[in-house]
Every structure is written in C-alpha cells, then in structure tokens.
C-alpha atoms as a PDB file:
ATOM      1  CA  MET A   1      -9.072  -6.398   5.248  1.00  0.00           C
ATOM      2  CA  ILE A   2     -10.929  -8.724   7.626  1.00  0.00           C
ATOM      3  CA  SER A   3      -8.770 -11.642   6.490  1.00  0.00           C
ATOM      4  CA  THR A   4      -5.645  -9.520   7.034  1.00  0.00           C
ATOM      5  CA  LEU A   5      -6.815  -8.698  10.547  1.00  0.00           C
ATOM      6  CA  ALA A   6      -7.544 -12.357  11.299  1.00  0.00           C
ATOM      7  CA  TYR A   7      -4.154 -13.453   9.986  1.00  0.00           C
ATOM      8  CA  GLY A   8      -2.400 -10.763  12.041  1.00  0.00           C
ATOM      9  CA  LEU A   9      -4.171 -11.875  15.209  1.00  0.00           C
ATOM     10  CA  THR A  10      -3.324 -15.505  14.419  1.00  0.00           C
ATOM     11  CA  VAL A  11       0.368 -14.722  13.976  1.00  0.00           C
ATOM     12  CA  GLY A  12       0.250 -12.550  17.089  1.00  0.00           C
ATOM     13  CA  GLY A  13      -1.223 -15.395  19.111  1.00  0.00           C
ATOM     14  CA  ILE A  14       1.476 -17.808  17.934  1.00  0.00           C
ATOM     15  CA  LEU A  15       4.219 -15.260  18.639  1.00  0.00           C
ATOM     16  CA  TYR A  16       2.901 -14.699  22.149  1.00  0.00           C
ATOM     17  CA  ILE A  17       2.754 -18.404  22.972  1.00  0.00           C
ATOM     18  CA  ILE A  18       6.346 -18.881  21.796  1.00  0.00           C
ATOM     19  CA  SER A  19       7.759 -15.622  23.154  1.00  0.00           C
ATOM     20  CA  ILE A  20       6.587 -15.863  26.750  1.00  0.00           C
ATOM     21  CA  GLY A  21       9.284 -18.436  27.569  1.00  0.00           C
ATOM     22  CA  LEU A  22      11.921 -16.195  26.008  1.00  0.00           C
ATOM     23  CA  SER A  23      10.566 -13.296  28.042  1.00  0.00           C
ATOM     24  CA  LEU A  24      11.268 -15.189  31.250  1.00  0.00           C
ATOM     25  CA  THR A  25      14.761 -16.388  30.327  1.00  0.00           C
ATOM     26  CA  PHE A  26      16.033 -13.527  28.177  1.00  0.00           C
ATOM     27  CA  GLY A  27      14.281 -10.669  29.902  1.00  0.00           C
ATOM     28  CA  THR A  28      14.890 -11.450  33.552  1.00  0.00           C
ATOM     29  CA  MET A  29      17.352 -14.329  33.884  1.00  0.00           C
ATOM     30  CA  ARG A  30      19.508 -12.637  31.218  1.00  0.00           C
ATOM     31  CA  ILE A  31      19.795 -15.908  29.277  1.00  0.00           C
ATOM     32  CA  VAL A  32      19.657 -15.656  25.489  1.00  0.00           C
ATOM     33  CA  ASN A  33      18.110 -19.070  24.890  1.00  0.00           C
ATOM     34  CA  PHE A  34      18.483 -20.082  21.236  1.00  0.00           C
ATOM     35  CA  ALA A  35      17.529 -23.634  22.257  1.00  0.00           C
ATOM     36  CA  HIS A  36      13.962 -22.329  22.588  1.00  0.00           C
ATOM     37  CA  ALA A  37      13.693 -22.668  18.793  1.00  0.00           C
ATOM     38  CA  LEU A  38      14.658 -26.341  19.045  1.00  0.00           C
ATOM     39  CA  VAL A  39      11.794 -27.089  21.435  1.00  0.00           C
ATOM     40  CA  TYR A  40       9.406 -25.231  19.117  1.00  0.00           C
ATOM     41  CA  THR A  41      10.527 -27.375  16.173  1.00  0.00           C
ATOM     42  CA  LEU A  42      10.409 -30.604  18.178  1.00  0.00           C
ATOM     43  CA  GLY A  43       6.800 -29.878  19.110  1.00  0.00           C
ATOM     44  CA  ALA A  44       5.847 -29.742  15.430  1.00  0.00           C
ATOM     45  CA  TYR A  45       7.714 -32.930  14.529  1.00  0.00           C
ATOM     46  CA  ILE A  46       6.373 -34.934  17.468  1.00  0.00           C
ATOM     47  CA  LEU A  47       2.878 -33.790  16.474  1.00  0.00           C
ATOM     48  CA  LEU A  48       3.557 -35.027  12.957  1.00  0.00           C
ATOM     49  CA  THR A  49       4.825 -38.389  14.206  1.00  0.00           C
ATOM     50  CA  SER A  50       1.867 -38.842  16.548  1.00  0.00           C
ATOM     51  CA  LEU A  51      -0.577 -38.183  13.732  1.00  0.00           C
ATOM     52  CA  GLN A  52       1.147 -40.502  11.244  1.00  0.00           C
ATOM     53  CA  LYS A  53       2.434 -43.340  13.423  1.00  0.00           C
ATOM     54  CA  LEU A  54      -0.035 -43.484  16.319  1.00  0.00           C
ATOM     55  CA  GLY A  55      -3.112 -42.610  14.288  1.00  0.00           C
ATOM     56  CA  VAL A  56      -4.530 -40.335  16.980  1.00  0.00           C
ATOM     57  CA  GLY A  57      -6.470 -37.109  16.422  1.00  0.00           C
ATOM     58  CA  PHE A  58      -4.947 -33.636  16.394  1.00  0.00           C
ATOM     59  CA  VAL A  59      -5.783 -32.772  20.019  1.00  0.00           C
ATOM     60  CA  PRO A  60      -4.279 -35.975  21.549  1.00  0.00           C
ATOM     61  CA  ALA A  61      -1.259 -35.599  19.239  1.00  0.00           C
ATOM     62  CA  ALA A  62      -0.821 -32.010  20.420  1.00  0.00           C
ATOM     63  CA  GLY A  63      -0.936 -33.168  24.045  1.00  0.00           C
ATOM     64  CA  ILE A  64       1.668 -35.853  23.336  1.00  0.00           C
ATOM     65  CA  ALA A  65       3.937 -33.304  21.638  1.00  0.00           C
ATOM     66  CA  VAL A  66       3.780 -30.856  24.551  1.00  0.00           C
ATOM     67  CA  LEU A  67       4.391 -33.562  27.158  1.00  0.00           C
ATOM     68  CA  ALA A  68       7.226 -35.101  25.129  1.00  0.00           C
ATOM     69  CA  VAL A  69       9.331 -31.935  25.257  1.00  0.00           C
ATOM     70  CA  ILE A  70       9.294 -31.803  29.072  1.00  0.00           C
ATOM     71  CA  PRO A  71      12.261 -34.191  29.535  1.00  0.00           C
ATOM     72  CA  VAL A  72      14.111 -32.414  26.723  1.00  0.00           C
ATOM     73  CA  SER A  73      13.588 -29.011  28.328  1.00  0.00           C
ATOM     74  CA  TYR A  74      14.606 -30.427  31.725  1.00  0.00           C
ATOM     75  CA  LEU A  75      17.908 -31.689  30.334  1.00  0.00           C
ATOM     76  CA  ILE A  76      18.606 -28.350  28.613  1.00  0.00           C
ATOM     77  CA  GLU A  77      17.827 -26.381  31.780  1.00  0.00           C
ATOM     78  CA  ARG A  78      19.639 -28.727  34.152  1.00  0.00           C
ATOM     79  CA  TYR A  79      22.865 -29.193  32.224  1.00  0.00           C
ATOM     80  CA  VAL A  80      23.134 -26.022  30.122  1.00  0.00           C
ATOM     81  CA  ILE A  81      20.931 -23.141  31.272  1.00  0.00           C
ATOM     82  CA  ARG A  82      21.485 -23.571  35.022  1.00  0.00           C
ATOM     83  CA  ARG A  83      25.232 -23.260  34.554  1.00  0.00           C
ATOM     84  CA  LEU A  84      24.764 -19.924  32.819  1.00  0.00           C
ATOM     85  CA  TYR A  85      22.820 -18.002  35.489  1.00  0.00           C
ATOM     86  CA  GLY A  86      24.786 -14.862  36.306  1.00  0.00           C
ATOM     87  CA  GLN A  87      27.306 -15.461  33.506  1.00  0.00           C
ATOM     88  CA  SER A  88      28.038 -13.281  30.506  1.00  0.00           C
ATOM     89  CA  VAL A  89      25.399 -13.204  27.804  1.00  0.00           C
ATOM     90  CA  ASP A  90      28.072 -14.352  25.336  1.00  0.00           C
ATOM     91  CA  TYR A  91      28.327 -17.749  27.051  1.00  0.00           C
ATOM     92  CA  ALA A  92      24.555 -18.235  26.831  1.00  0.00           C
ATOM     93  CA  ILE A  93      24.514 -17.370  23.131  1.00  0.00           C
ATOM     94  CA  ILE A  94      27.294 -19.821  22.296  1.00  0.00           C
ATOM     95  CA  ALA A  95      25.995 -22.668  24.490  1.00  0.00           C
ATOM     96  CA  THR A  96      22.328 -22.505  23.522  1.00  0.00           C
ATOM     97  CA  TYR A  97      23.089 -21.943  19.847  1.00  0.00           C
ATOM     98  CA  ALA A  98      25.235 -25.079  19.936  1.00  0.00           C
ATOM     99  CA  VAL A  99      22.291 -26.981  21.449  1.00  0.00           C
ATOM    100  CA  LEU A 100      20.067 -25.660  18.654  1.00  0.00           C
ATOM    101  CA  LEU A 101      22.471 -26.729  15.912  1.00  0.00           C
ATOM    102  CA  ILE A 102      22.946 -30.195  17.417  1.00  0.00           C
ATOM    103  CA  GLY A 103      19.184 -30.565  17.789  1.00  0.00           C
ATOM    104  CA  VAL A 104      18.465 -29.500  14.211  1.00  0.00           C
ATOM    105  CA  ASP A 105      20.993 -32.022  12.893  1.00  0.00           C
ATOM    106  CA  ALA A 106      19.358 -34.714  15.034  1.00  0.00           C
ATOM    107  CA  ILE A 107      15.944 -33.769  13.618  1.00  0.00           C
ATOM    108  CA  LYS A 108      17.280 -34.044  10.046  1.00  0.00           C
ATOM    109  CA  TRP A 109      18.786 -37.427  10.889  1.00  0.00           C
ATOM    110  CA  ILE A 110      15.512 -38.734  12.341  1.00  0.00           C
ATOM    111  CA  TRP A 111      12.861 -37.092  10.139  1.00  0.00           C
ATOM    112  CA  GLY A 112      14.808 -35.869   7.109  1.00  0.00           C
ATOM    113  CA  ALA A 113      15.228 -32.368   5.729  1.00  0.00           C
ATOM    114  CA  ILE A 114      12.276 -32.240   3.328  1.00  0.00           C
ATOM    115  CA  PRO A 115       9.449 -29.880   4.437  1.00  0.00           C
ATOM    116  CA  ILE A 116       6.255 -31.745   5.322  1.00  0.00           C
ATOM    117  CA  PRO A 117       2.878 -29.965   4.992  1.00  0.00           C
ATOM    118  CA  LEU A 118       0.002 -30.565   7.394  1.00  0.00           C
ATOM    119  CA  SER A 119      -3.657 -29.985   6.602  1.00  0.00           C
ATOM    120  CA  ASP A 120      -6.011 -27.783   8.613  1.00  0.00           C
ATOM    121  CA  PRO A 121      -7.177 -30.009  11.511  1.00  0.00           C
ATOM    122  CA  VAL A 122     -10.592 -28.339  11.603  1.00  0.00           C
ATOM    123  CA  GLY A 123     -11.218 -27.886   7.884  1.00  0.00           C
ATOM    124  CA  ALA A 124     -14.096 -25.475   8.373  1.00  0.00           C
ATOM    125  CA  SER A 125     -14.645 -21.764   7.964  1.00  0.00           C
ATOM    126  CA  VAL A 126     -17.060 -19.193   9.291  1.00  0.00           C
ATOM    127  CA  LEU A 127     -18.499 -16.195   7.461  1.00  0.00           C
ATOM    128  CA  ILE A 128     -17.631 -12.898   9.203  1.00  0.00           C
ATOM    129  CA  LEU A 129     -18.552  -9.605   7.523  1.00  0.00           C
ATOM    130  CA  GLY A 130     -18.693 -11.346   4.169  1.00  0.00           C
ATOM    131  CA  VAL A 131     -15.304 -13.037   4.512  1.00  0.00           C
ATOM    132  CA  ASP A 132     -14.722 -16.775   5.047  1.00  0.00           C
ATOM    133  CA  LEU A 133     -12.283 -17.172   7.944  1.00  0.00           C
ATOM    134  CA  PRO A 134     -10.801 -20.553   8.895  1.00  0.00           C
ATOM    135  CA  VAL A 135     -12.160 -21.703  12.253  1.00  0.00           C
ATOM    136  CA  TYR A 136      -8.712 -23.067  13.121  1.00  0.00           C
ATOM    137  CA  ARG A 137      -7.194 -19.583  13.109  1.00  0.00           C
ATOM    138  CA  LEU A 138      -9.951 -18.291  15.370  1.00  0.00           C
ATOM    139  CA  ILE A 139      -9.219 -21.178  17.736  1.00  0.00           C
ATOM    140  CA  ILE A 140      -5.533 -20.170  17.841  1.00  0.00           C
ATOM    141  CA  ILE A 141      -6.499 -16.613  18.814  1.00  0.00           C
ATOM    142  CA  LEU A 142      -8.781 -17.927  21.562  1.00  0.00           C
ATOM    143  CA  ILE A 143      -6.100 -20.292  22.895  1.00  0.00           C
ATOM    144  CA  SER A 144      -3.560 -17.471  23.108  1.00  0.00           C
ATOM    145  CA  LEU A 145      -6.009 -15.316  25.062  1.00  0.00           C
ATOM    146  CA  LEU A 146      -6.750 -18.180  27.454  1.00  0.00           C
ATOM    147  CA  ILE A 147      -3.022 -18.784  27.986  1.00  0.00           C
ATOM    148  CA  PHE A 148      -2.513 -15.111  28.792  1.00  0.00           C
ATOM    149  CA  VAL A 149      -5.277 -15.197  31.413  1.00  0.00           C
ATOM    150  CA  ALA A 150      -3.951 -18.474  32.857  1.00  0.00           C
ATOM    151  CA  LEU A 151      -0.381 -17.144  33.133  1.00  0.00           C
ATOM    152  CA  GLU A 152      -1.578 -13.939  34.772  1.00  0.00           C
ATOM    153  CA  ALA A 153      -3.397 -16.045  37.369  1.00  0.00           C
ATOM    154  CA  PHE A 154      -0.419 -18.388  37.821  1.00  0.00           C
ATOM    155  CA  PHE A 155       2.181 -15.680  38.432  1.00  0.00           C
ATOM    156  CA  ASN A 156      -0.040 -13.411  40.524  1.00  0.00           C
ATOM    157  CA  ARG A 157      -2.170 -15.817  42.559  1.00  0.00           C
ATOM    158  CA  THR A 158      -0.149 -18.983  43.161  1.00  0.00           C
ATOM    159  CA  VAL A 159       2.718 -19.492  45.591  1.00  0.00           C
ATOM    160  CA  VAL A 160       4.950 -21.013  42.911  1.00  0.00           C
ATOM    161  CA  GLY A 161       4.282 -18.141  40.544  1.00  0.00           C
ATOM    162  CA  LYS A 162       4.997 -15.519  43.200  1.00  0.00           C
ATOM    163  CA  ILE A 163       8.256 -17.249  44.146  1.00  0.00           C
ATOM    164  CA  ILE A 164       9.344 -17.232  40.506  1.00  0.00           C
ATOM    165  CA  ILE A 165       8.562 -13.531  40.130  1.00  0.00           C
ATOM    166  CA  ALA A 166      10.329 -12.729  43.400  1.00  0.00           C
ATOM    167  CA  GLY A 167      13.332 -14.815  42.381  1.00  0.00           C
ATOM    168  CA  LEU A 168      13.558 -12.982  39.087  1.00  0.00           C
ATOM    169  CA  GLU A 169      13.566  -9.665  40.961  1.00  0.00           C
ATOM    170  CA  ASP A 170      16.128 -10.666  43.630  1.00  0.00           C
ATOM    171  CA  LYS A 171      17.383 -14.247  43.534  1.00  0.00           C
ATOM    172  CA  ASP A 172      19.730 -13.874  46.519  1.00  0.00           C
ATOM    173  CA  ALA A 173      17.013 -12.474  48.768  1.00  0.00           C
ATOM    174  CA  VAL A 174      14.689 -15.370  47.986  1.00  0.00           C
ATOM    175  CA  ALA A 175      17.495 -17.913  48.436  1.00  0.00           C
ATOM    176  CA  SER A 176      18.258 -16.422  51.866  1.00  0.00           C
ATOM    177  CA  LEU A 177      14.792 -17.564  52.961  1.00  0.00           C
ATOM    178  CA  GLY A 178      15.819 -21.179  52.363  1.00  0.00           C
ATOM    179  CA  ILE A 179      13.966 -21.464  49.052  1.00  0.00           C
ATOM    180  CA  SER A 180      15.630 -23.354  46.196  1.00  0.00           C
ATOM    181  CA  VAL A 181      15.346 -20.676  43.526  1.00  0.00           C
ATOM    182  CA  ASP A 182      16.903 -22.841  40.816  1.00  0.00           C
ATOM    183  CA  LYS A 183      14.140 -25.400  41.263  1.00  0.00           C
ATOM    184  CA  TYR A 184      11.475 -22.771  40.640  1.00  0.00           C
ATOM    185  CA  PHE A 185      13.422 -21.318  37.719  1.00  0.00           C
ATOM    186  CA  ALA A 186      13.382 -24.838  36.245  1.00  0.00           C
ATOM    187  CA  VAL A 187       9.585 -24.812  36.570  1.00  0.00           C
ATOM    188  CA  ALA A 188       9.401 -21.489  34.707  1.00  0.00           C
ATOM    189  CA  PHE A 189      11.799 -22.733  32.034  1.00  0.00           C
ATOM    190  CA  THR A 190       9.857 -25.954  31.522  1.00  0.00           C
ATOM    191  CA  LEU A 191       6.589 -24.036  31.343  1.00  0.00           C
ATOM    192  CA  GLY A 192       8.038 -21.733  28.701  1.00  0.00           C
ATOM    193  CA  SER A 193       9.371 -24.704  26.746  1.00  0.00           C
ATOM    194  CA  CYS A 194       5.973 -26.427  26.790  1.00  0.00           C
ATOM    195  CA  LEU A 195       4.386 -23.272  25.431  1.00  0.00           C
ATOM    196  CA  ALA A 196       7.056 -23.073  22.712  1.00  0.00           C
ATOM    197  CA  ALA A 197       6.219 -26.652  21.716  1.00  0.00           C
ATOM    198  CA  LEU A 198       2.535 -25.730  21.714  1.00  0.00           C
ATOM    199  CA  GLY A 199       3.368 -22.817  19.413  1.00  0.00           C
ATOM    200  CA  GLY A 200       5.067 -25.238  17.026  1.00  0.00           C
ATOM    201  CA  VAL A 201       2.067 -27.550  17.197  1.00  0.00           C
ATOM    202  CA  LEU A 202      -0.426 -24.784  16.443  1.00  0.00           C
ATOM    203  CA  TYR A 203       1.613 -23.229  13.651  1.00  0.00           C
ATOM    204  CA  ALA A 204       2.462 -26.538  11.935  1.00  0.00           C
ATOM    205  CA  PRO A 205      -0.820 -26.726   9.945  1.00  0.00           C
ATOM    206  CA  ILE A 206      -0.307 -23.138   8.743  1.00  0.00           C
ATOM    207  CA  THR A 207       3.257 -23.608   7.533  1.00  0.00           C
ATOM    208  CA  ALA A 208       5.220 -26.657   6.386  1.00  0.00           C
ATOM    209  CA  VAL A 209       7.103 -28.545   9.088  1.00  0.00           C
ATOM    210  CA  ASN A 210      10.849 -28.371   8.431  1.00  0.00           C
ATOM    211  CA  PRO A 211      14.038 -28.617  10.517  1.00  0.00           C
ATOM    212  CA  TYR A 212      14.800 -24.910  10.137  1.00  0.00           C
ATOM    213  CA  MET A 213      11.374 -23.579  11.118  1.00  0.00           C
ATOM    214  CA  GLY A 214      12.750 -22.557  14.514  1.00  0.00           C
ATOM    215  CA  PHE A 215      15.312 -20.258  12.925  1.00  0.00           C
ATOM    216  CA  GLN A 216      12.549 -18.506  11.010  1.00  0.00           C
ATOM    217  CA  VAL A 217      10.593 -17.554  14.122  1.00  0.00           C
ATOM    218  CA  LEU A 218      13.328 -17.149  16.750  1.00  0.00           C
ATOM    219  CA  LEU A 219      14.564 -13.661  15.859  1.00  0.00           C
ATOM    220  CA  ILE A 220      11.010 -12.372  15.498  1.00  0.00           C
ATOM    221  CA  CYS A 221      10.234 -13.688  18.990  1.00  0.00           C
ATOM    222  CA  PHE A 222      13.312 -11.924  20.377  1.00  0.00           C
ATOM    223  CA  ALA A 223      11.987  -8.745  18.773  1.00  0.00           C
ATOM    224  CA  VAL A 224       8.647  -9.337  20.536  1.00  0.00           C
ATOM    225  CA  VAL A 225      10.416  -9.623  23.890  1.00  0.00           C
ATOM    226  CA  VAL A 226      12.419  -6.435  23.289  1.00  0.00           C
ATOM    227  CA  VAL A 227       9.427  -4.406  22.088  1.00  0.00           C
ATOM    228  CA  GLY A 228       7.253  -5.680  24.942  1.00  0.00           C
ATOM    229  CA  GLY A 229       9.835  -4.898  27.599  1.00  0.00           C
ATOM    230  CA  LEU A 230      12.319  -7.405  28.968  1.00  0.00           C
ATOM    231  CA  GLY A 231      10.561  -9.748  31.358  1.00  0.00           C
ATOM    232  CA  SER A 232       7.140  -8.138  31.012  1.00  0.00           C
ATOM    233  CA  ILE A 233       4.441 -10.772  30.586  1.00  0.00           C
ATOM    234  CA  ARG A 234       1.761  -8.254  29.693  1.00  0.00           C
ATOM    235  CA  GLY A 235       4.149  -6.310  27.477  1.00  0.00           C
ATOM    236  CA  THR A 236       5.013  -9.494  25.589  1.00  0.00           C
ATOM    237  CA  PHE A 237       1.312 -10.121  25.021  1.00  0.00           C
ATOM    238  CA  VAL A 238       0.690  -6.637  23.599  1.00  0.00           C
ATOM    239  CA  ALA A 239       3.892  -6.647  21.523  1.00  0.00           C
ATOM    240  CA  ALA A 240       3.162 -10.071  20.028  1.00  0.00           C
ATOM    241  CA  PHE A 241      -0.230  -9.036  18.699  1.00  0.00           C
ATOM    242  CA  ALA A 242       1.023  -5.614  17.599  1.00  0.00           C
ATOM    243  CA  LEU A 243       3.913  -7.102  15.631  1.00  0.00           C
ATOM    244  CA  GLY A 244       1.639  -9.808  14.257  1.00  0.00           C
ATOM    245  CA  MET A 245      -0.554  -7.070  12.836  1.00  0.00           C
ATOM    246  CA  VAL A 246       2.514  -5.239  11.480  1.00  0.00           C
ATOM    247  CA  MET A 247       3.581  -8.407   9.652  1.00  0.00           C
ATOM    248  CA  SER A 248       0.099  -9.063   8.308  1.00  0.00           C
ATOM    249  CA  ILE A 249      -0.561  -5.530   7.070  1.00  0.00           C
ATOM    250  CA  THR A 250       2.914  -5.182   5.564  1.00  0.00           C
ATOM    251  CA  GLY A 251       2.582  -8.580   3.900  1.00  0.00           C
ATOM    252  CA  ARG A 252      -0.709  -7.499   2.336  1.00  0.00           C
ATOM    253  CA  PHE A 253       0.986  -4.680   0.430  1.00  0.00           C
ATOM    254  CA  TRP A 254       4.600  -5.878   0.202  1.00  0.00           C
ATOM    255  CA  GLY A 255       5.180  -9.500   1.156  1.00  0.00           C
ATOM    256  CA  PRO A 256       9.015  -9.579   1.223  1.00  0.00           C
ATOM    257  CA  ALA A 257       9.106  -6.738   3.768  1.00  0.00           C
ATOM    258  CA  ALA A 258       6.793  -8.365   6.338  1.00  0.00           C
ATOM    259  CA  ASP A 259       9.547  -9.726   8.576  1.00  0.00           C
ATOM    260  CA  THR A 260      11.754  -6.682   8.012  1.00  0.00           C
ATOM    261  CA  MET A 261       9.115  -4.323   9.402  1.00  0.00           C
ATOM    262  CA  VAL A 262       9.236  -6.190  12.719  1.00  0.00           C
ATOM    263  CA  PHE A 263      12.867  -5.190  13.157  1.00  0.00           C
ATOM    264  CA  VAL A 264      12.171  -1.655  11.980  1.00  0.00           C
ATOM    265  CA  VAL A 265       9.632  -1.337  14.781  1.00  0.00           C
ATOM    266  CA  MET A 266      12.104  -2.861  17.242  1.00  0.00           C
ATOM    267  CA  GLY A 267      14.774  -0.398  16.126  1.00  0.00           C
ATOM    268  CA  LEU A 268      12.432   2.548  16.669  1.00  0.00           C
ATOM    269  CA  ILE A 269      11.547   1.240  20.140  1.00  0.00           C
ATOM    270  CA  LEU A 270      15.225   0.956  21.054  1.00  0.00           C
ATOM    271  CA  ILE A 271      15.915   4.472  19.778  1.00  0.00           C
ATOM    272  CA  PHE A 272      13.246   6.084  21.941  1.00  0.00           C
ATOM    273  CA  LYS A 273      13.431   3.645  24.866  1.00  0.00           C
ATOM    274  CA  PRO A 274      16.867   2.002  25.091  1.00  0.00           C
ATOM    275  CA  ILE A 275      17.384  -1.123  27.197  1.00  0.00           C
ATOM    276  CA  GLU A 276      18.884  -0.281  30.568  1.00  0.00           C
ATOM    277  CA  ALA A 277      22.079  -2.127  31.437  1.00  0.00           C
END
C-alpha cells in the first residue's frame, strides 16, 4: 500500500505541474489549449536529445529542455492563442488541436515514431515502512510541492503575478490603466508551457518517450482543471494529487480502469457542481 501511495503522489505531482498551465488558459482565458500537450512532448524529446547527443547529465538536460520550449511557446501564444482571446471555444479547439497534430508529425519526422525508454536518473531507493521506494519519485513529489509554493508566492506577492490575476478577472479594467494585458498573459502562457515541458521531462524516465505521449495525459489534465475549479491554482493542486491517488488505487485493483475513474470523478463533480457559463 505504501508503494501505491507513493505512485499516486508521483502521478499527482506530474499532473499538477502539467495542469497549472491549462488552468490559466482554459480556466480563466477560456482557451482550450490542446497545444499544451505538444510542449509536454517536446520537453521529453529535447531531454532525450540532450542526454544522447550532448552527453550532459539529467539536470542540465532538463534545464535545456525547459529553456528550449520558450521560443516554441512564444510562437504559439503570439500567432495562435492571442488571436483567440474572447473568441468562441470552438475556434480554440480547432486551432490548437491543429498545432498539436502538426507538432506530433514534426516530432515523428525528426525523432521517429518508435517509443524510447529512459532509465531512472537517480537509480537509488530508500526503505520506508519496509518498502523500497525509488528516490526519483520522491524527488518528483518534492519538486511539485516547491513549484506550488513558488507559484503561490509569484501570483500573490509580485507585481507581475498580481497584474496577471487582475487581468484574468477583468482584462478591460486592467487595460484601461495603460497596462498591456496581452504581454502579461504571454508571460503566464510561457510559464505554463515551461512547466508542461518540465512535466514531460520528469515523467519521461517513468514512461517511454513517444510522439503520442501528450495525447495520453492531456484529457486527464483537463479533468484535473475541471475538478479543481476553472482557474483555481490551489484547486488544481488538490485535484491533481486527489486524482493521482484515484488512478493509483484503482490501478492496484483493476489496471484498465485507472484512467476511466478519473472521468467518473469528474462526472460526479459536474453533476453536483456544474460549471457556470
């Protein structure tokens, strides 16, 4: 049971790191950003390339992967997302899904379609209550907690963070003060994209790297955002770990139903607390 708990917290940490960017775009900007899955996948592949071609360690390769997606996320936000603010959700779905499909085809063209496994970068375990737990998974849990604390500080204690939150609440009011809201939204979008890439980096050693890995996690992350409350940073944090535990516990007794239970929980949440239009 300890291993199940550790795995659930690990999955929850990964889901939180990936979902927070979706929470900002989907929950408050009303942008359904399927391209988020592309950035997640790119992070894993750039990590892989850095390890194999540059010969650097895991930590430097992770840093390279996160930094490398910044220009990609800027281009997506500048030429796709920014044109969709205030538009119908249908346009965002079509546009960002097209970006995802184009990106996945580009990944297959560059890296191929065969899944590539990565080994545990730590390769050590610690004995907790008689169970050997991989240190790497404990590190993932710690990183997710640190990111949560850092984001709370950023959005509540910095000028940039407060402008972003205010712009999400009332964009026109903030713009009337002479503040370029789109510029700050771009900062939030880029931050979310970097975290998505980090999620891909951290999850790569746990699962095989493949061009379709973004599809596998995207819908679950949308469920996290819905369960946590649209645009709620703290709610996303709680929902990510709760659904991670749901997946882990369900997988322990009935593996094929692990992902399905996430959407069962989301359905129950929507029944008792529907999304307001």
